[in-house]
């Protein structure tokens, strides 16, 4: 069980605020988006262990961010295979 550090989000609301604040600018490269979604999944997972009142909703967001990361990773891979 990983718990967020002192300066990290402790609630679902905090986690959403952090995700919104670090969202990449439109047009950012795929690697930037991949890192964003991976970091969000880790953050929501950690907060789900602390904000037990929103545990299930936070687990939804973990899954959402993991799916988005997988989609971006697939786009990156597709781009690499087309370039070869």
PDB file of N, CA and C in Angstrom:
ATOM      1  N   UNK A   1       0.839  -1.182   0.000  1.00  0.00           N
ATOM      2  CA  UNK A   1       0.000   0.000   0.000  1.00  0.00           C
ATOM      3  C   UNK A   1       0.880   1.239   0.000  1.00  0.00           C
ATOM      4  N   UNK A   2       0.712   2.077  -0.994  1.00  0.00           N
ATOM      5  CA  UNK A   2       1.474   3.311  -1.107  1.00  0.00           C
ATOM      6  C   UNK A   2       0.590   4.466  -0.689  1.00  0.00           C
ATOM      7  N   UNK A   3       1.102   5.313   0.191  1.00  0.00           N
ATOM      8  CA  UNK A   3       0.327   6.475   0.578  1.00  0.00           C
ATOM      9  C   UNK A   3       0.998   7.723   0.038  1.00  0.00           C
ATOM     10  N   UNK A   4       0.208   8.724  -0.304  1.00  0.00           N
ATOM     11  CA  UNK A   4       0.778   9.951  -0.845  1.00  0.00           C
ATOM     12  C   UNK A   4       1.656  10.651   0.191  1.00  0.00           C
ATOM     13  N   UNK A   5       2.655  11.364  -0.285  1.00  0.00           N
ATOM     14  CA  UNK A   5       3.506  12.159   0.597  1.00  0.00           C
ATOM     15  C   UNK A   5       2.748  13.356   1.132  1.00  0.00           C
ATOM     16  N   UNK A   6       3.402  14.090   1.999  1.00  0.00           N
ATOM     17  CA  UNK A   6       2.745  15.216   2.672  1.00  0.00           C
ATOM     18  C   UNK A   6       2.237  16.280   1.700  1.00  0.00           C
ATOM     19  N   UNK A   7       2.978  16.544   0.641  1.00  0.00           N
ATOM     20  CA  UNK A   7       2.582  17.583  -0.307  1.00  0.00           C
ATOM     21  C   UNK A   7       1.837  17.032  -1.516  1.00  0.00           C
ATOM     22  N   UNK A   8       1.406  15.788  -1.426  1.00  0.00           N
ATOM     23  CA  UNK A   8       0.683  15.158  -2.522  1.00  0.00           C
ATOM     24  C   UNK A   8      -0.803  15.112  -2.191  1.00  0.00           C
ATOM     25  N   UNK A   9      -1.636  14.940  -3.217  1.00  0.00           N
ATOM     26  CA  UNK A   9      -3.091  14.949  -2.989  1.00  0.00           C
ATOM     27  C   UNK A   9      -3.522  13.869  -2.004  1.00  0.00           C
ATOM     28  N   UNK A  10      -4.507  14.230  -1.188  1.00  0.00           N
ATOM     29  CA  UNK A  10      -5.038  13.314  -0.184  1.00  0.00           C
ATOM     30  C   UNK A  10      -6.499  12.944  -0.446  1.00  0.00           C
ATOM     31  N   UNK A  11      -7.135  13.668  -1.374  1.00  0.00           N
ATOM     32  CA  UNK A  11      -8.554  13.427  -1.657  1.00  0.00           C
ATOM     33  C   UNK A  11      -8.770  13.367  -3.165  1.00  0.00           C
ATOM     34  N   UNK A  12      -9.928  12.863  -3.543  1.00  0.00           N
ATOM     35  CA  UNK A  12     -10.304  12.818  -4.953  1.00  0.00           C
ATOM     36  C   UNK A  12     -10.270  14.222  -5.548  1.00  0.00           C
ATOM     37  N   UNK A  13     -10.808  15.183  -4.833  1.00  0.00           N
ATOM     38  CA  UNK A  13     -10.828  16.567  -5.321  1.00  0.00           C
ATOM     39  C   UNK A  13      -9.406  17.083  -5.546  1.00  0.00           C
ATOM     40  N   UNK A  14      -8.516  16.821  -4.575  1.00  0.00           N
ATOM     41  CA  UNK A  14      -7.112  17.230  -4.719  1.00  0.00           C
ATOM     42  C   UNK A  14      -6.484  16.582  -5.959  1.00  0.00           C
ATOM     43  N   UNK A  15      -6.753  15.290  -6.140  1.00  0.00           N
ATOM     44  CA  UNK A  15      -6.162  14.560  -7.263  1.00  0.00           C
ATOM     45  C   UNK A  15      -6.645  15.130  -8.591  1.00  0.00           C
ATOM     46  N   UNK A  16      -7.921  15.446  -8.689  1.00  0.00           N
ATOM     47  CA  UNK A  16      -8.434  16.053  -9.917  1.00  0.00           C
ATOM     48  C   UNK A  16      -7.768  17.401 -10.178  1.00  0.00           C
ATOM     49  N   UNK A  17      -7.556  18.177  -9.113  1.00  0.00           N
ATOM     50  CA  UNK A  17      -6.905  19.488  -9.266  1.00  0.00           C
ATOM     51  C   UNK A  17      -5.472  19.330  -9.762  1.00  0.00           C
ATOM     52  N   UNK A  18      -4.753  18.353  -9.229  1.00  0.00           N
ATOM     53  CA  UNK A  18      -3.376  18.104  -9.668  1.00  0.00           C
ATOM     54  C   UNK A  18      -3.360  17.662 -11.131  1.00  0.00           C
ATOM     55  N   UNK A  19      -4.255  16.749 -11.484  1.00  0.00           N
ATOM     56  CA  UNK A  19      -4.319  16.259 -12.867  1.00  0.00           C
ATOM     57  C   UNK A  19      -4.613  17.407 -13.828  1.00  0.00           C
ATOM     58  N   UNK A  20      -5.543  18.274 -13.463  1.00  0.00           N
ATOM     59  CA  UNK A  20      -5.895  19.401 -14.332  1.00  0.00           C
ATOM     60  C   UNK A  20      -4.721  20.371 -14.470  1.00  0.00           C
ATOM     61  N   UNK A  21      -4.008  20.598 -13.378  1.00  0.00           N
ATOM     62  CA  UNK A  21      -2.906  21.560 -13.391  1.00  0.00           C
ATOM     63  C   UNK A  21      -1.723  21.075 -14.231  1.00  0.00           C
ATOM     64  N   UNK A  22      -1.505  19.767 -14.270  1.00  0.00           N
ATOM     65  CA  UNK A  22      -0.340  19.262 -15.008  1.00  0.00           C
ATOM     66  C   UNK A  22      -0.690  18.722 -16.393  1.00  0.00           C
ATOM     67  N   UNK A  23      -1.927  18.923 -16.801  1.00  0.00           N
ATOM     68  CA  UNK A  23      -2.350  18.448 -18.123  1.00  0.00           C
ATOM     69  C   UNK A  23      -1.496  19.097 -19.205  1.00  0.00           C
ATOM     70  N   UNK A  24      -0.959  18.289 -20.127  1.00  0.00           N
ATOM     71  CA  UNK A  24      -0.142  18.858 -21.212  1.00  0.00           C
ATOM     72  C   UNK A  24      -0.966  19.775 -22.119  1.00  0.00           C
ATOM     73  N   UNK A  25      -0.271  20.667 -22.766  1.00  0.00           N
ATOM     74  CA  UNK A  25      -0.927  21.582 -23.708  1.00  0.00           C
ATOM     75  C   UNK A  25      -1.388  20.790 -24.930  1.00  0.00           C
ATOM     76  N   UNK A  26      -2.505  21.228 -25.550  1.00  0.00           N
ATOM     77  CA  UNK A  26      -2.937  20.566 -26.796  1.00  0.00           C
ATOM     78  C   UNK A  26      -1.784  20.572 -27.795  1.00  0.00           C
ATOM     79  N   UNK A  27      -1.629  19.469 -28.495  1.00  0.00           N
ATOM     80  CA  UNK A  27      -0.552  19.372 -29.475  1.00  0.00           C
ATOM     81  C   UNK A  27       0.745  18.855 -28.899  1.00  0.00           C
ATOM     82  N   UNK A  28       0.782  18.569 -27.594  1.00  0.00           N
ATOM     83  CA  UNK A  28       1.995  17.997 -27.001  1.00  0.00           C
ATOM     84  C   UNK A  28       2.255  16.631 -27.624  1.00  0.00           C
ATOM     85  N   UNK A  29       3.525  16.211 -27.596  1.00  0.00           N
ATOM     86  CA  UNK A  29       3.853  14.930 -28.229  1.00  0.00           C
ATOM     87  C   UNK A  29       3.286  13.758 -27.426  1.00  0.00           C
ATOM     88  N   UNK A  30       3.200  12.616 -28.095  1.00  0.00           N
ATOM     89  CA  UNK A  30       2.565  11.444 -27.487  1.00  0.00           C
ATOM     90  C   UNK A  30       3.296  10.962 -26.246  1.00  0.00           C
ATOM     91  N   UNK A  31       4.627  11.080 -26.217  1.00  0.00           N
ATOM     92  CA  UNK A  31       5.374  10.647 -25.036  1.00  0.00           C
ATOM     93  C   UNK A  31       4.978  11.471 -23.810  1.00  0.00           C
ATOM     94  N   UNK A  32       4.736  12.757 -24.013  1.00  0.00           N
ATOM     95  CA  UNK A  32       4.304  13.634 -22.921  1.00  0.00           C
ATOM     96  C   UNK A  32       2.944  13.189 -22.398  1.00  0.00           C
ATOM     97  N   UNK A  33       2.035  12.869 -23.320  1.00  0.00           N
ATOM     98  CA  UNK A  33       0.696  12.406 -22.916  1.00  0.00           C
ATOM     99  C   UNK A  33       0.787  11.056 -22.207  1.00  0.00           C
ATOM    100  N   UNK A  34       1.657  10.178 -22.684  1.00  0.00           N
ATOM    101  CA  UNK A  34       1.816   8.876 -22.048  1.00  0.00           C
ATOM    102  C   UNK A  34       2.272   9.055 -20.598  1.00  0.00           C
ATOM    103  N   UNK A  35       3.281   9.872 -20.390  1.00  0.00           N
ATOM    104  CA  UNK A  35       3.772  10.119 -19.027  1.00  0.00           C
ATOM    105  C   UNK A  35       2.690  10.735 -18.142  1.00  0.00           C
ATOM    106  N   UNK A  36       1.906  11.640 -18.712  1.00  0.00           N
ATOM    107  CA  UNK A  36       0.804  12.282 -17.978  1.00  0.00           C
ATOM    108  C   UNK A  36      -0.202  11.241 -17.482  1.00  0.00           C
ATOM    109  N   UNK A  37      -0.643  10.362 -18.384  1.00  0.00           N
ATOM    110  CA  UNK A  37      -1.638   9.357 -17.996  1.00  0.00           C
ATOM    111  C   UNK A  37      -1.060   8.340 -17.020  1.00  0.00           C
ATOM    112  N   UNK A  38       0.183   7.941 -17.195  1.00  0.00           N
ATOM    113  CA  UNK A  38       0.815   7.004 -16.265  1.00  0.00           C
ATOM    114  C   UNK A  38       0.937   7.621 -14.870  1.00  0.00           C
ATOM    115  N   UNK A  39       1.352   8.887 -14.821  1.00  0.00           N
ATOM    116  CA  UNK A  39       1.488   9.569 -13.527  1.00  0.00           C
ATOM    117  C   UNK A  39       0.124   9.719 -12.851  1.00  0.00           C
ATOM    118  N   UNK A  40      -0.901  10.027 -13.629  1.00  0.00           N
ATOM    119  CA  UNK A  40      -2.241  10.151 -13.057  1.00  0.00           C
ATOM    120  C   UNK A  40      -2.717   8.821 -12.483  1.00  0.00           C
ATOM    121  N   UNK A  41      -2.471   7.731 -13.194  1.00  0.00           N
ATOM    122  CA  UNK A  41      -2.885   6.413 -12.692  1.00  0.00           C
ATOM    123  C   UNK A  41      -2.204   6.124 -11.357  1.00  0.00           C
ATOM    124  N   UNK A  42      -0.901   6.404 -11.268  1.00  0.00           N
ATOM    125  CA  UNK A  42      -0.185   6.191 -10.004  1.00  0.00           C
ATOM    126  C   UNK A  42      -0.757   7.070  -8.889  1.00  0.00           C
ATOM    127  N   UNK A  43      -1.036   8.329  -9.210  1.00  0.00           N
ATOM    128  CA  UNK A  43      -1.553   9.264  -8.222  1.00  0.00           C
ATOM    129  C   UNK A  43      -2.927   8.813  -7.729  1.00  0.00           C
ATOM    130  N   UNK A  44      -3.843   8.500  -8.638  1.00  0.00           N
ATOM    131  CA  UNK A  44      -5.185   8.079  -8.227  1.00  0.00           C
ATOM    132  C   UNK A  44      -5.117   6.785  -7.401  1.00  0.00           C
ATOM    133  N   UNK A  45      -4.202   5.883  -7.750  1.00  0.00           N
ATOM    134  CA  UNK A  45      -4.049   4.629  -6.997  1.00  0.00           C
ATOM    135  C   UNK A  45      -3.613   4.944  -5.564  1.00  0.00           C
ATOM    136  N   UNK A  46      -2.632   5.826  -5.415  1.00  0.00           N
ATOM    137  CA  UNK A  46      -2.152   6.181  -4.079  1.00  0.00           C
ATOM    138  C   UNK A  46      -3.248   6.863  -3.259  1.00  0.00           C
ATOM    139  N   UNK A  47      -3.988   7.768  -3.881  1.00  0.00           N
ATOM    140  CA  UNK A  47      -5.045   8.491  -3.161  1.00  0.00           C
ATOM    141  C   UNK A  47      -6.183   7.538  -2.788  1.00  0.00           C
ATOM    142  N   UNK A  48      -6.415   6.501  -3.593  1.00  0.00           N
ATOM    143  CA  UNK A  48      -7.509   5.560  -3.285  1.00  0.00           C
ATOM    144  C   UNK A  48      -7.266   4.823  -1.974  1.00  0.00           C
ATOM    145  N   UNK A  49      -6.015   4.740  -1.557  1.00  0.00           N
ATOM    146  CA  UNK A  49      -5.698   4.098  -0.277  1.00  0.00           C
ATOM    147  C   UNK A  49      -5.917   5.043   0.901  1.00  0.00           C
ATOM    148  N   UNK A  50      -6.029   6.336   0.632  1.00  0.00           N
ATOM    149  CA  UNK A  50      -6.163   7.338   1.694  1.00  0.00           C
ATOM    150  C   UNK A  50      -7.601   7.847   1.796  1.00  0.00           C
ATOM    151  N   UNK A  51      -8.186   8.224   0.672  1.00  0.00           N
ATOM    152  CA  UNK A  51      -9.546   8.777   0.644  1.00  0.00           C
ATOM    153  C   UNK A  51     -10.525   7.610   0.489  1.00  0.00           C
ATOM    154  N   UNK A  52     -10.748   6.913   1.579  1.00  0.00           N
ATOM    155  CA  UNK A  52     -11.557   5.687   1.521  1.00  0.00           C
ATOM    156  C   UNK A  52     -13.017   5.969   1.156  1.00  0.00           C
ATOM    157  N   UNK A  53     -13.488   7.173   1.412  1.00  0.00           N
ATOM    158  CA  UNK A  53     -14.865   7.510   1.061  1.00  0.00           C
ATOM    159  C   UNK A  53     -15.082   7.594  -0.438  1.00  0.00           C
ATOM    160  N   UNK A  54     -14.001   7.772  -1.183  1.00  0.00           N
ATOM    161  CA  UNK A  54     -14.080   7.849  -2.646  1.00  0.00           C
ATOM    162  C   UNK A  54     -13.270   6.729  -3.305  1.00  0.00           C
ATOM    163  N   UNK A  55     -13.021   5.669  -2.554  1.00  0.00           N
ATOM    164  CA  UNK A  55     -12.161   4.585  -3.041  1.00  0.00           C
ATOM    165  C   UNK A  55     -12.601   4.047  -4.407  1.00  0.00           C
ATOM    166  N   UNK A  56     -13.879   3.751  -4.545  1.00  0.00           N
ATOM    167  CA  UNK A  56     -14.355   3.138  -5.798  1.00  0.00           C
ATOM    168  C   UNK A  56     -14.276   4.119  -6.963  1.00  0.00           C
ATOM    169  N   UNK A  57     -14.600   5.367  -6.706  1.00  0.00           N
ATOM    170  CA  UNK A  57     -14.493   6.366  -7.765  1.00  0.00           C
ATOM    171  C   UNK A  57     -13.021   6.572  -8.165  1.00  0.00           C
ATOM    172  N   UNK A  58     -12.147   6.583  -7.184  1.00  0.00           N
ATOM    173  CA  UNK A  58     -10.716   6.714  -7.478  1.00  0.00           C
ATOM    174  C   UNK A  58     -10.211   5.513  -8.278  1.00  0.00           C
ATOM    175  N   UNK A  59     -10.702   4.320  -7.953  1.00  0.00           N
ATOM    176  CA  UNK A  59     -10.292   3.123  -8.718  1.00  0.00           C
ATOM    177  C   UNK A  59     -10.791   3.223 -10.165  1.00  0.00           C
ATOM    178  N   UNK A  60     -11.961   3.828 -10.354  1.00  0.00           N
ATOM    179  CA  UNK A  60     -12.425   4.078 -11.719  1.00  0.00           C
ATOM    180  C   UNK A  60     -11.401   4.932 -12.451  1.00  0.00           C
ATOM    181  N   UNK A  61     -10.934   6.006 -11.810  1.00  0.00           N
ATOM    182  CA  UNK A  61      -9.982   6.908 -12.452  1.00  0.00           C
ATOM    183  C   UNK A  61      -8.637   6.228 -12.708  1.00  0.00           C
ATOM    184  N   UNK A  62      -8.239   5.307 -11.839  1.00  0.00           N
ATOM    185  CA  UNK A  62      -7.020   4.520 -12.095  1.00  0.00           C
ATOM    186  C   UNK A  62      -7.198   3.768 -13.412  1.00  0.00           C
ATOM    187  N   UNK A  63      -8.315   3.073 -13.544  1.00  0.00           N
ATOM    188  CA  UNK A  63      -8.581   2.314 -14.770  1.00  0.00           C
ATOM    189  C   UNK A  63      -8.665   3.198 -15.995  1.00  0.00           C
ATOM    190  N   UNK A  64      -9.319   4.335 -15.856  1.00  0.00           N
ATOM    191  CA  UNK A  64      -9.447   5.274 -16.973  1.00  0.00           C
ATOM    192  C   UNK A  64      -8.072   5.726 -17.448  1.00  0.00           C
ATOM    193  N   UNK A  65      -7.231   6.149 -16.509  1.00  0.00           N
ATOM    194  CA  UNK A  65      -5.898   6.642 -16.879  1.00  0.00           C
ATOM    195  C   UNK A  65      -5.027   5.524 -17.445  1.00  0.00           C
ATOM    196  N   UNK A  66      -5.167   4.316 -16.927  1.00  0.00           N
ATOM    197  CA  UNK A  66      -4.414   3.186 -17.480  1.00  0.00           C
ATOM    198  C   UNK A  66      -4.850   2.885 -18.912  1.00  0.00           C
ATOM    199  N   UNK A  67      -6.167   2.948 -19.172  1.00  0.00           N
ATOM    200  CA  UNK A  67      -6.653   2.716 -20.544  1.00  0.00           C
ATOM    201  C   UNK A  67      -6.145   3.800 -21.482  1.00  0.00           C
ATOM    202  N   UNK A  68      -6.176   5.049 -21.034  1.00  0.00           N
ATOM    203  CA  UNK A  68      -5.670   6.145 -21.863  1.00  0.00           C
ATOM    204  C   UNK A  68      -4.189   5.957 -22.148  1.00  0.00           C
ATOM    205  N   UNK A  69      -3.428   5.551 -21.144  1.00  0.00           N
ATOM    206  CA  UNK A  69      -1.996   5.310 -21.332  1.00  0.00           C
ATOM    207  C   UNK A  69      -1.770   4.188 -22.353  1.00  0.00           C
ATOM    208  N   UNK A  70      -2.564   3.144 -22.283  1.00  0.00           N
ATOM    209  CA  UNK A  70      -2.455   2.041 -23.239  1.00  0.00           C
ATOM    210  C   UNK A  70      -2.769   2.515 -24.652  1.00  0.00           C
ATOM    211  N   UNK A  71      -3.801   3.363 -24.789  1.00  0.00           N
ATOM    212  CA  UNK A  71      -4.153   3.889 -26.116  1.00  0.00           C
ATOM    213  C   UNK A  71      -3.021   4.727 -26.693  1.00  0.00           C
ATOM    214  N   UNK A  72      -2.424   5.574 -25.875  1.00  0.00           N
ATOM    215  CA  UNK A  72      -1.328   6.423 -26.342  1.00  0.00           C
ATOM    216  C   UNK A  72      -0.109   5.558 -26.679  1.00  0.00           C
ATOM    217  N   UNK A  73       0.175   4.569 -25.833  1.00  0.00           N
ATOM    218  CA  UNK A  73       1.307   3.669 -26.104  1.00  0.00           C
ATOM    219  C   UNK A  73       1.095   2.942 -27.435  1.00  0.00           C
ATOM    220  N   UNK A  74      -0.132   2.550 -27.726  1.00  0.00           N
ATOM    221  CA  UNK A  74      -0.434   1.881 -28.998  1.00  0.00           C
ATOM    222  C   UNK A  74      -0.218   2.840 -30.165  1.00  0.00           C
ATOM    223  N   UNK A  75      -0.606   4.112 -29.992  1.00  0.00           N
ATOM    224  CA  UNK A  75      -0.382   5.107 -31.050  1.00  0.00           C
ATOM    225  C   UNK A  75       1.118   5.300 -31.286  1.00  0.00           C
ATOM    226  N   UNK A  76       1.890   5.338 -30.206  1.00  0.00           N
ATOM    227  CA  UNK A  76       3.343   5.498 -30.335  1.00  0.00           C
ATOM    228  C   UNK A  76       3.914   4.308 -31.091  1.00  0.00           C
ATOM    229  N   UNK A  77       3.487   3.111 -30.707  1.00  0.00           N
ATOM    230  CA  UNK A  77       3.990   1.899 -31.361  1.00  0.00           C
ATOM    231  C   UNK A  77       3.604   1.868 -32.833  1.00  0.00           C
ATOM    232  N   UNK A  78       2.376   2.261 -33.132  1.00  0.00           N
ATOM    233  CA  UNK A  78       1.913   2.293 -34.517  1.00  0.00           C
ATOM    234  C   UNK A  78       2.760   3.251 -35.337  1.00  0.00           C
ATOM    235  N   UNK A  79       3.060   4.408 -34.757  1.00  0.00           N
ATOM    236  CA  UNK A  79       3.906   5.385 -35.445  1.00  0.00           C
ATOM    237  C   UNK A  79       5.296   4.863 -35.717  1.00  0.00           C
ATOM    238  N   UNK A  80       5.849   4.120 -34.759  1.00  0.00           N
ATOM    239  CA  UNK A  80       7.187   3.543 -34.941  1.00  0.00           C
ATOM    240  C   UNK A  80       7.177   2.481 -36.027  1.00  0.00           C
ATOM    241  N   UNK A  81       6.116   1.644 -36.059  1.00  0.00           N
ATOM    242  CA  UNK A  81       6.086   0.579 -37.058  1.00  0.00           C
ATOM    243  C   UNK A  81       5.837   1.135 -38.453  1.00  0.00           C
ATOM    244  N   UNK A  82       5.119   2.242 -38.561  1.00  0.00           N
ATOM    245  CA  UNK A  82       4.881   2.862 -39.864  1.00  0.00           C
ATOM    246  C   UNK A  82       6.136   3.566 -40.362  1.00  0.00           C
ATOM    247  N   UNK A  83       6.964   4.037 -39.448  1.00  0.00           N
ATOM    248  CA  UNK A  83       8.184   4.745 -39.832  1.00  0.00           C
ATOM    249  C   UNK A  83       9.261   3.783 -40.330  1.00  0.00           C
ATOM    250  N   UNK A  84       9.161   2.516 -39.961  1.00  0.00           N
ATOM    251  CA  UNK A  84      10.183   1.533 -40.355  1.00  0.00           C
ATOM    252  C   UNK A  84      10.022   1.073 -41.780  1.00  0.00           C
TER     253      UNK A  84
END
